[in-house]
Structures are given as structure tokens and as C-alpha cells.
Amino acid sequence: MNINQALEGFIERSRTLGLHEQDYLIAIDFLKYHEFGLAFDQVVVQLYEYDKNIDKVYYKHVIDIAIKLSIPINEYSYLKELVR
């Protein structure tokens, strides 16, 4: 699975967790222009800002995508607070 497909699935899954429609559309727009880091950041930051619950599987997906994007995983460790 390439990074585009991984992010597409990630963004769709985020939508089911309560990502607001506007944030979803922004992330999809970033993805369309191959701004993968911005798409990822948009989703993660907004889920955190709105205190949306996530599960362990989703958090692992966050870590996996961060690694694919060469982002240090500690940059998004705060998201672990949302695992419930």
C-alpha cells in the first residue's frame, strides 16, 4: 500500500471517529495535491483539538503513517491521551 492509499484510508477512518466535515475536506484537498504531511497533520491535530476518542488500532495507524512520512513518532505522542 502506498502512502496515498494509506492516508486516504486513514482520513476516511478519521471521519467515522468524528472528524468534522470541513477538516475532512481540507485533508482530502491536501492529499489531492500530494501534501501528505499536511493532510496527516490536519487530521491528527483536529481530532486532538476536539477531544475525539480513538482506539489502539487507530493509534497504531497514526504511528505507522508517521513512520512512512519520516515524522518522529514522538511528535504525535500526545494523541495517545485520546485512546479510550
PDB file of N, CA and C in Angstrom:
ATOM      1  N   MET A   1       0.854  -1.182   0.000  1.00  0.00           N
ATOM      2  CA  MET A   1       0.000   0.000   0.000  1.00  0.00           C
ATOM      3  C   MET A   1       0.894   1.238   0.000  1.00  0.00           C
ATOM      4  N   ASN A   2       0.653   2.143  -0.946  1.00  0.00           N
ATOM      5  CA  ASN A   2       1.466   3.358  -0.991  1.00  0.00           C
ATOM      6  C   ASN A   2       0.948   4.393   0.006  1.00  0.00           C
ATOM      7  N   ILE A   3       1.693   5.449   0.192  1.00  0.00           N
ATOM      8  CA  ILE A   3       1.346   6.457   1.196  1.00  0.00           C
ATOM      9  C   ILE A   3       0.027   7.148   0.874  1.00  0.00           C
ATOM     10  N   ASN A   4      -0.262   7.360  -0.397  1.00  0.00           N
ATOM     11  CA  ASN A   4      -1.517   7.998  -0.776  1.00  0.00           C
ATOM     12  C   ASN A   4      -2.703   7.136  -0.343  1.00  0.00           C
ATOM     13  N   GLN A   5      -2.624   5.840  -0.616  1.00  0.00           N
ATOM     14  CA  GLN A   5      -3.703   4.928  -0.230  1.00  0.00           C
ATOM     15  C   GLN A   5      -3.817   4.828   1.290  1.00  0.00           C
ATOM     16  N   ALA A   6      -2.682   4.767   1.966  1.00  0.00           N
ATOM     17  CA  ALA A   6      -2.687   4.673   3.426  1.00  0.00           C
ATOM     18  C   ALA A   6      -3.347   5.902   4.041  1.00  0.00           C
ATOM     19  N   LEU A   7      -2.992   7.073   3.532  1.00  0.00           N
ATOM     20  CA  LEU A   7      -3.589   8.307   4.059  1.00  0.00           C
ATOM     21  C   LEU A   7      -5.070   8.419   3.714  1.00  0.00           C
ATOM     22  N   GLU A   8      -5.433   7.978   2.537  1.00  0.00           N
ATOM     23  CA  GLU A   8      -6.844   8.018   2.153  1.00  0.00           C
ATOM     24  C   GLU A   8      -7.684   7.191   3.131  1.00  0.00           C
ATOM     25  N   GLY A   9      -7.233   5.983   3.422  1.00  0.00           N
ATOM     26  CA  GLY A   9      -7.934   5.132   4.387  1.00  0.00           C
ATOM     27  C   GLY A   9      -7.939   5.736   5.777  1.00  0.00           C
ATOM     28  N   PHE A  10      -6.813   6.331   6.156  1.00  0.00           N
ATOM     29  CA  PHE A  10      -6.684   6.975   7.460  1.00  0.00           C
ATOM     30  C   PHE A  10      -7.669   8.137   7.603  1.00  0.00           C
ATOM     31  N   ILE A  11      -7.764   8.940   6.567  1.00  0.00           N
ATOM     32  CA  ILE A  11      -8.673  10.098   6.601  1.00  0.00           C
ATOM     33  C   ILE A  11     -10.121   9.628   6.668  1.00  0.00           C
ATOM     34  N   GLU A  12     -10.456   8.619   5.898  1.00  0.00           N
ATOM     35  CA  GLU A  12     -11.826   8.078   5.927  1.00  0.00           C
ATOM     36  C   GLU A  12     -12.156   7.522   7.311  1.00  0.00           C
ATOM     37  N   ARG A  13     -11.216   6.794   7.899  1.00  0.00           N
ATOM     38  CA  ARG A  13     -11.430   6.240   9.244  1.00  0.00           C
ATOM     39  C   ARG A  13     -11.592   7.370  10.251  1.00  0.00           C
ATOM     40  N   SER A  14     -10.849   8.433  10.085  1.00  0.00           N
ATOM     41  CA  SER A  14     -10.933   9.587  10.991  1.00  0.00           C
ATOM     42  C   SER A  14     -12.312  10.222  10.930  1.00  0.00           C
ATOM     43  N   ARG A  15     -12.882  10.207   9.778  1.00  0.00           N
ATOM     44  CA  ARG A  15     -14.225  10.755   9.596  1.00  0.00           C
ATOM     45  C   ARG A  15     -15.231   9.989  10.450  1.00  0.00           C
ATOM     46  N   THR A  16     -15.078   8.671  10.517  1.00  0.00           N
ATOM     47  CA  THR A  16     -16.002   7.864  11.329  1.00  0.00           C
ATOM     48  C   THR A  16     -15.791   8.089  12.821  1.00  0.00           C
ATOM     49  N   LEU A  17     -14.626   8.600  13.187  1.00  0.00           N
ATOM     50  CA  LEU A  17     -14.338   8.891  14.587  1.00  0.00           C
ATOM     51  C   LEU A  17     -14.818  10.280  14.995  1.00  0.00           C
ATOM     52  N   GLY A  18     -15.330  11.031  14.051  1.00  0.00           N
ATOM     53  CA  GLY A  18     -15.871  12.338  14.387  1.00  0.00           C
ATOM     54  C   GLY A  18     -15.121  13.523  13.827  1.00  0.00           C
ATOM     55  N   LEU A  19     -14.189  13.275  12.899  1.00  0.00           N
ATOM     56  CA  LEU A  19     -13.512  14.397  12.252  1.00  0.00           C
ATOM     57  C   LEU A  19     -14.561  15.259  11.560  1.00  0.00           C
ATOM     58  N   HIS A  20     -14.549  16.541  11.832  1.00  0.00           N
ATOM     59  CA  HIS A  20     -15.538  17.444  11.237  1.00  0.00           C
ATOM     60  C   HIS A  20     -15.395  17.488   9.720  1.00  0.00           C
ATOM     61  N   GLU A  21     -16.500  17.702   9.070  1.00  0.00           N
ATOM     62  CA  GLU A  21     -16.551  17.687   7.605  1.00  0.00           C
ATOM     63  C   GLU A  21     -15.562  18.672   6.982  1.00  0.00           C
ATOM     64  N   GLN A  22     -15.484  19.862   7.515  1.00  0.00           N
ATOM     65  CA  GLN A  22     -14.563  20.866   6.965  1.00  0.00           C
ATOM     66  C   GLN A  22     -13.111  20.398   7.071  1.00  0.00           C
ATOM     67  N   ASP A  23     -12.770  19.800   8.204  1.00  0.00           N
ATOM     68  CA  ASP A  23     -11.408  19.294   8.385  1.00  0.00           C
ATOM     69  C   ASP A  23     -11.144  18.111   7.463  1.00  0.00           C
ATOM     70  N   TYR A  24     -12.143  17.291   7.269  1.00  0.00           N
ATOM     71  CA  TYR A  24     -12.046  16.173   6.325  1.00  0.00           C
ATOM     72  C   TYR A  24     -11.750  16.698   4.918  1.00  0.00           C
ATOM     73  N   LEU A  25     -12.516  17.700   4.490  1.00  0.00           N
ATOM     74  CA  LEU A  25     -12.341  18.254   3.147  1.00  0.00           C
ATOM     75  C   LEU A  25     -10.967  18.901   2.969  1.00  0.00           C
ATOM     76  N   ILE A  26     -10.492  19.563   4.006  1.00  0.00           N
ATOM     77  CA  ILE A  26      -9.158  20.172   3.951  1.00  0.00           C
ATOM     78  C   ILE A  26      -8.099  19.076   3.793  1.00  0.00           C
ATOM     79  N   ALA A  27      -8.219  18.013   4.576  1.00  0.00           N
ATOM     80  CA  ALA A  27      -7.257  16.914   4.492  1.00  0.00           C
ATOM     81  C   ALA A  27      -7.278  16.261   3.115  1.00  0.00           C
ATOM     82  N   ILE A  28      -8.462  16.049   2.570  1.00  0.00           N
ATOM     83  CA  ILE A  28      -8.597  15.459   1.236  1.00  0.00           C
ATOM     84  C   ILE A  28      -7.967  16.375   0.191  1.00  0.00           C
ATOM     85  N   ASP A  29      -8.150  17.668   0.347  1.00  0.00           N
ATOM     86  CA  ASP A  29      -7.561  18.633  -0.581  1.00  0.00           C
ATOM     87  C   ASP A  29      -6.027  18.570  -0.517  1.00  0.00           C
ATOM     88  N   PHE A  30      -5.470  18.524   0.688  1.00  0.00           N
ATOM     89  CA  PHE A  30      -4.022  18.373   0.834  1.00  0.00           C
ATOM     90  C   PHE A  30      -3.555  17.092   0.140  1.00  0.00           C
ATOM     91  N   LEU A  31      -4.287  16.030   0.342  1.00  0.00           N
ATOM     92  CA  LEU A  31      -3.933  14.745  -0.247  1.00  0.00           C
ATOM     93  C   LEU A  31      -3.936  14.820  -1.773  1.00  0.00           C
ATOM     94  N   LYS A  32      -4.942  15.499  -2.308  1.00  0.00           N
ATOM     95  CA  LYS A  32      -5.072  15.641  -3.761  1.00  0.00           C
ATOM     96  C   LYS A  32      -3.826  16.303  -4.360  1.00  0.00           C
ATOM     97  N   TYR A  33      -3.213  17.210  -3.606  1.00  0.00           N
ATOM     98  CA  TYR A  33      -2.028  17.917  -4.087  1.00  0.00           C
ATOM     99  C   TYR A  33      -0.726  17.305  -3.548  1.00  0.00           C
ATOM    100  N   HIS A  34      -0.816  16.089  -3.067  1.00  0.00           N
ATOM    101  CA  HIS A  34       0.342  15.332  -2.580  1.00  0.00           C
ATOM    102  C   HIS A  34       1.054  16.001  -1.411  1.00  0.00           C
ATOM    103  N   GLU A  35       0.303  16.724  -0.616  1.00  0.00           N
ATOM    104  CA  GLU A  35       0.817  17.336   0.613  1.00  0.00           C
ATOM    105  C   GLU A  35       0.514  16.368   1.759  1.00  0.00           C
ATOM    106  N   PHE A  36       1.209  15.239   1.763  1.00  0.00           N
ATOM    107  CA  PHE A  36       0.894  14.148   2.674  1.00  0.00           C
ATOM    108  C   PHE A  36       1.063  14.523   4.143  1.00  0.00           C
ATOM    109  N   GLY A  37       2.135  15.211   4.467  1.00  0.00           N
ATOM    110  CA  GLY A  37       2.362  15.627   5.846  1.00  0.00           C
ATOM    111  C   GLY A  37       1.290  16.583   6.341  1.00  0.00           C
ATOM    112  N   LEU A  38       0.875  17.500   5.487  1.00  0.00           N
ATOM    113  CA  LEU A  38      -0.171  18.453   5.870  1.00  0.00           C
ATOM    114  C   LEU A  38      -1.513  17.759   6.053  1.00  0.00           C
ATOM    115  N   ALA A  39      -1.811  16.802   5.186  1.00  0.00           N
ATOM    116  CA  ALA A  39      -3.065  16.043   5.307  1.00  0.00           C
ATOM    117  C   ALA A  39      -3.086  15.286   6.637  1.00  0.00           C
ATOM    118  N   PHE A  40      -1.976  14.626   6.928  1.00  0.00           N
ATOM    119  CA  PHE A  40      -1.858  13.859   8.173  1.00  0.00           C
ATOM    120  C   PHE A  40      -1.996  14.774   9.387  1.00  0.00           C
ATOM    121  N   ASP A  41      -1.265  15.868   9.374  1.00  0.00           N
ATOM    122  CA  ASP A  41      -1.293  16.813  10.489  1.00  0.00           C
ATOM    123  C   ASP A  41      -2.689  17.402  10.695  1.00  0.00           C
ATOM    124  N   GLN A  42      -3.360  17.740   9.623  1.00  0.00           N
ATOM    125  CA  GLN A  42      -4.720  18.297   9.703  1.00  0.00           C
ATOM    126  C   GLN A  42      -5.633  17.359  10.488  1.00  0.00           C
ATOM    127  N   VAL A  43      -5.577  16.098  10.156  1.00  0.00           N
ATOM    128  CA  VAL A  43      -6.445  15.119  10.804  1.00  0.00           C
ATOM    129  C   VAL A  43      -6.077  14.937  12.268  1.00  0.00           C
ATOM    130  N   VAL A  44      -4.813  14.677  12.530  1.00  0.00           N
ATOM    131  CA  VAL A  44      -4.377  14.382  13.893  1.00  0.00           C
ATOM    132  C   VAL A  44      -4.628  15.563  14.827  1.00  0.00           C
ATOM    133  N   VAL A  45      -4.253  16.735  14.402  1.00  0.00           N
ATOM    134  CA  VAL A  45      -4.435  17.924  15.250  1.00  0.00           C
ATOM    135  C   VAL A  45      -5.910  18.187  15.528  1.00  0.00           C
ATOM    136  N   GLN A  46      -6.750  18.047  14.528  1.00  0.00           N
ATOM    137  CA  GLN A  46      -8.171  18.333  14.732  1.00  0.00           C
ATOM    138  C   GLN A  46      -8.855  17.295  15.621  1.00  0.00           C
ATOM    139  N   LEU A  47      -8.480  16.037  15.481  1.00  0.00           N
ATOM    140  CA  LEU A  47      -9.039  15.029  16.395  1.00  0.00           C
ATOM    141  C   LEU A  47      -8.649  15.337  17.831  1.00  0.00           C
ATOM    142  N   TYR A  48      -7.414  15.769  18.019  1.00  0.00           N
ATOM    143  CA  TYR A  48      -6.961  16.121  19.352  1.00  0.00           C
ATOM    144  C   TYR A  48      -7.671  17.379  19.860  1.00  0.00           C
ATOM    145  N   GLU A  49      -7.753  18.388  19.012  1.00  0.00           N
ATOM    146  CA  GLU A  49      -8.403  19.645  19.407  1.00  0.00           C
ATOM    147  C   GLU A  49      -9.839  19.426  19.875  1.00  0.00           C
ATOM    148  N   TYR A  50     -10.542  18.511  19.205  1.00  0.00           N
ATOM    149  CA  TYR A  50     -11.944  18.247  19.537  1.00  0.00           C
ATOM    150  C   TYR A  50     -12.107  17.054  20.468  1.00  0.00           C
ATOM    151  N   ASP A  51     -10.996  16.570  21.019  1.00  0.00           N
ATOM    152  CA  ASP A  51     -11.011  15.523  22.038  1.00  0.00           C
ATOM    153  C   ASP A  51     -11.839  14.298  21.617  1.00  0.00           C
ATOM    154  N   LYS A  52     -11.580  13.821  20.399  1.00  0.00           N
ATOM    155  CA  LYS A  52     -12.304  12.658  19.871  1.00  0.00           C
ATOM    156  C   LYS A  52     -11.655  11.371  20.372  1.00  0.00           C
ATOM    157  N   ASN A  53     -12.475  10.430  20.786  1.00  0.00           N
ATOM    158  CA  ASN A  53     -11.971   9.138  21.246  1.00  0.00           C
ATOM    159  C   ASN A  53     -11.402   8.349  20.070  1.00  0.00           C
ATOM    160  N   ILE A  54     -10.284   7.672  20.329  1.00  0.00           N
ATOM    161  CA  ILE A  54      -9.723   6.775  19.330  1.00  0.00           C
ATOM    162  C   ILE A  54      -9.420   5.438  20.019  1.00  0.00           C
ATOM    163  N   ASP A  55      -9.219   4.405  19.219  1.00  0.00           N
ATOM    164  CA  ASP A  55      -8.861   3.111  19.794  1.00  0.00           C
ATOM    165  C   ASP A  55      -7.385   2.808  19.527  1.00  0.00           C
ATOM    166  N   LYS A  56      -6.911   1.701  20.091  1.00  0.00           N
ATOM    167  CA  LYS A  56      -5.496   1.340  19.955  1.00  0.00           C
ATOM    168  C   LYS A  56      -5.115   1.059  18.506  1.00  0.00           C
ATOM    169  N   VAL A  57      -6.030   0.476  17.751  1.00  0.00           N
ATOM    170  CA  VAL A  57      -5.765   0.170  16.347  1.00  0.00           C
ATOM    171  C   VAL A  57      -5.552   1.466  15.564  1.00  0.00           C
ATOM    172  N   TYR A  58      -6.395   2.446  15.812  1.00  0.00           N
ATOM    173  CA  TYR A  58      -6.265   3.737  15.132  1.00  0.00           C
ATOM    174  C   TYR A  58      -4.935   4.406  15.519  1.00  0.00           C
ATOM    175  N   TYR A  59      -4.603   4.360  16.815  1.00  0.00           N
ATOM    176  CA  TYR A  59      -3.347   4.972  17.253  1.00  0.00           C
ATOM    177  C   TYR A  59      -2.154   4.303  16.575  1.00  0.00           C
ATOM    178  N   LYS A  60      -2.199   2.988  16.421  1.00  0.00           N
ATOM    179  CA  LYS A  60      -1.129   2.283  15.720  1.00  0.00           C
ATOM    180  C   LYS A  60      -1.052   2.743  14.269  1.00  0.00           C
ATOM    181  N   HIS A  61      -2.209   3.007  13.675  1.00  0.00           N
ATOM    182  CA  HIS A  61      -2.251   3.525  12.305  1.00  0.00           C
ATOM    183  C   HIS A  61      -1.559   4.890  12.244  1.00  0.00           C
ATOM    184  N   VAL A  62      -1.787   5.727  13.234  1.00  0.00           N
ATOM    185  CA  VAL A  62      -1.127   7.038  13.317  1.00  0.00           C
ATOM    186  C   VAL A  62       0.393   6.848  13.319  1.00  0.00           C
ATOM    187  N   ILE A  63       0.859   5.945  14.163  1.00  0.00           N
ATOM    188  CA  ILE A  63       2.297   5.697  14.275  1.00  0.00           C
ATOM    189  C   ILE A  63       2.860   5.161  12.955  1.00  0.00           C
ATOM    190  N   ASP A  64       2.150   4.210  12.346  1.00  0.00           N
ATOM    191  CA  ASP A  64       2.607   3.622  11.077  1.00  0.00           C
ATOM    192  C   ASP A  64       2.732   4.676   9.977  1.00  0.00           C
ATOM    193  N   ILE A  65       1.749   5.562   9.894  1.00  0.00           N
ATOM    194  CA  ILE A  65       1.800   6.605   8.863  1.00  0.00           C
ATOM    195  C   ILE A  65       2.902   7.612   9.173  1.00  0.00           C
ATOM    196  N   ALA A  66       3.057   7.970  10.432  1.00  0.00           N
ATOM    197  CA  ALA A  66       4.142   8.891  10.805  1.00  0.00           C
ATOM    198  C   ALA A  66       5.492   8.317  10.375  1.00  0.00           C
ATOM    199  N   ILE A  67       5.681   7.029  10.575  1.00  0.00           N
ATOM    200  CA  ILE A  67       6.932   6.383  10.174  1.00  0.00           C
ATOM    201  C   ILE A  67       7.090   6.448   8.656  1.00  0.00           C
ATOM    202  N   LYS A  68       6.021   6.163   7.906  1.00  0.00           N
ATOM    203  CA  LYS A  68       6.089   6.227   6.442  1.00  0.00           C
ATOM    204  C   LYS A  68       6.422   7.633   5.955  1.00  0.00           C
ATOM    205  N   LEU A  69       5.977   8.631   6.711  1.00  0.00           N
ATOM    206  CA  LEU A  69       6.235  10.021   6.338  1.00  0.00           C
ATOM    207  C   LEU A  69       7.551  10.540   6.911  1.00  0.00           C
ATOM    208  N   SER A  70       8.296   9.680   7.573  1.00  0.00           N
ATOM    209  CA  SER A  70       9.570  10.047   8.216  1.00  0.00           C
ATOM    210  C   SER A  70       9.390  11.134   9.274  1.00  0.00           C
ATOM    211  N   ILE A  71       8.273  11.078   9.977  1.00  0.00           N
ATOM    212  CA  ILE A  71       7.994  12.014  11.068  1.00  0.00           C
ATOM    213  C   ILE A  71       8.326  11.290  12.370  1.00  0.00           C
ATOM    214  N   PRO A  72       9.128  11.889  13.233  1.00  0.00           N
ATOM    215  CA  PRO A  72       9.409  11.249  14.526  1.00  0.00           C
ATOM    216  C   PRO A  72       8.090  10.973  15.275  1.00  0.00           C
ATOM    217  N   ILE A  73       7.915   9.739  15.726  1.00  0.00           N
ATOM    218  CA  ILE A  73       6.630   9.367  16.326  1.00  0.00           C
ATOM    219  C   ILE A  73       6.326  10.137  17.602  1.00  0.00           C
ATOM    220  N   ASN A  74       7.337  10.657  18.260  1.00  0.00           N
ATOM    221  CA  ASN A  74       7.082  11.431  19.476  1.00  0.00           C
ATOM    222  C   ASN A  74       6.379  12.759  19.181  1.00  0.00           C
ATOM    223  N   GLU A  75       6.394  13.202  17.928  1.00  0.00           N
ATOM    224  CA  GLU A  75       5.696  14.447  17.583  1.00  0.00           C
ATOM    225  C   GLU A  75       4.181  14.322  17.719  1.00  0.00           C
ATOM    226  N   TYR A  76       3.686  13.105  17.681  1.00  0.00           N
ATOM    227  CA  TYR A  76       2.244  12.887  17.802  1.00  0.00           C
ATOM    228  C   TYR A  76       1.898  12.013  18.992  1.00  0.00           C
ATOM    229  N   SER A  77       2.804  11.886  19.945  1.00  0.00           N
ATOM    230  CA  SER A  77       2.558  11.036  21.115  1.00  0.00           C
ATOM    231  C   SER A  77       1.409  11.570  21.974  1.00  0.00           C
ATOM    232  N   TYR A  78       1.137  12.847  21.891  1.00  0.00           N
ATOM    233  CA  TYR A  78       0.029  13.431  22.668  1.00  0.00           C
ATOM    234  C   TYR A  78      -1.314  12.808  22.284  1.00  0.00           C
ATOM    235  N   LEU A  79      -1.393  12.250  21.100  1.00  0.00           N
ATOM    236  CA  LEU A  79      -2.644  11.639  20.654  1.00  0.00           C
ATOM    237  C   LEU A  79      -3.000  10.411  21.484  1.00  0.00           C
ATOM    238  N   LYS A  80      -2.010   9.834  22.130  1.00  0.00           N
ATOM    239  CA  LYS A  80      -2.239   8.652  22.968  1.00  0.00           C
ATOM    240  C   LYS A  80      -3.243   8.956  24.082  1.00  0.00           C
ATOM    241  N   GLU A  81      -3.345  10.214  24.473  1.00  0.00           N
ATOM    242  CA  GLU A  81      -4.310  10.622  25.503  1.00  0.00           C
ATOM    243  C   GLU A  81      -5.745  10.332  25.088  1.00  0.00           C
ATOM    244  N   LEU A  82      -5.986  10.234  23.799  1.00  0.00           N
ATOM    245  CA  LEU A  82      -7.347  10.029  23.285  1.00  0.00           C
ATOM    246  C   LEU A  82      -7.737   8.561  23.211  1.00  0.00           C
ATOM    247  N   VAL A  83      -6.786   7.645  23.446  1.00  0.00           N
ATOM    248  CA  VAL A  83      -7.101   6.219  23.362  1.00  0.00           C
ATOM    249  C   VAL A  83      -7.974   5.859  24.563  1.00  0.00           C
ATOM    250  N   ARG A  84      -9.174   5.385  24.209  1.00  0.00           N
ATOM    251  CA  ARG A  84     -10.140   5.020  25.282  1.00  0.00           C
ATOM    252  C   ARG A  84     -10.827   3.734  24.932  1.00  0.00           C
TER     253      ARG A  84
END
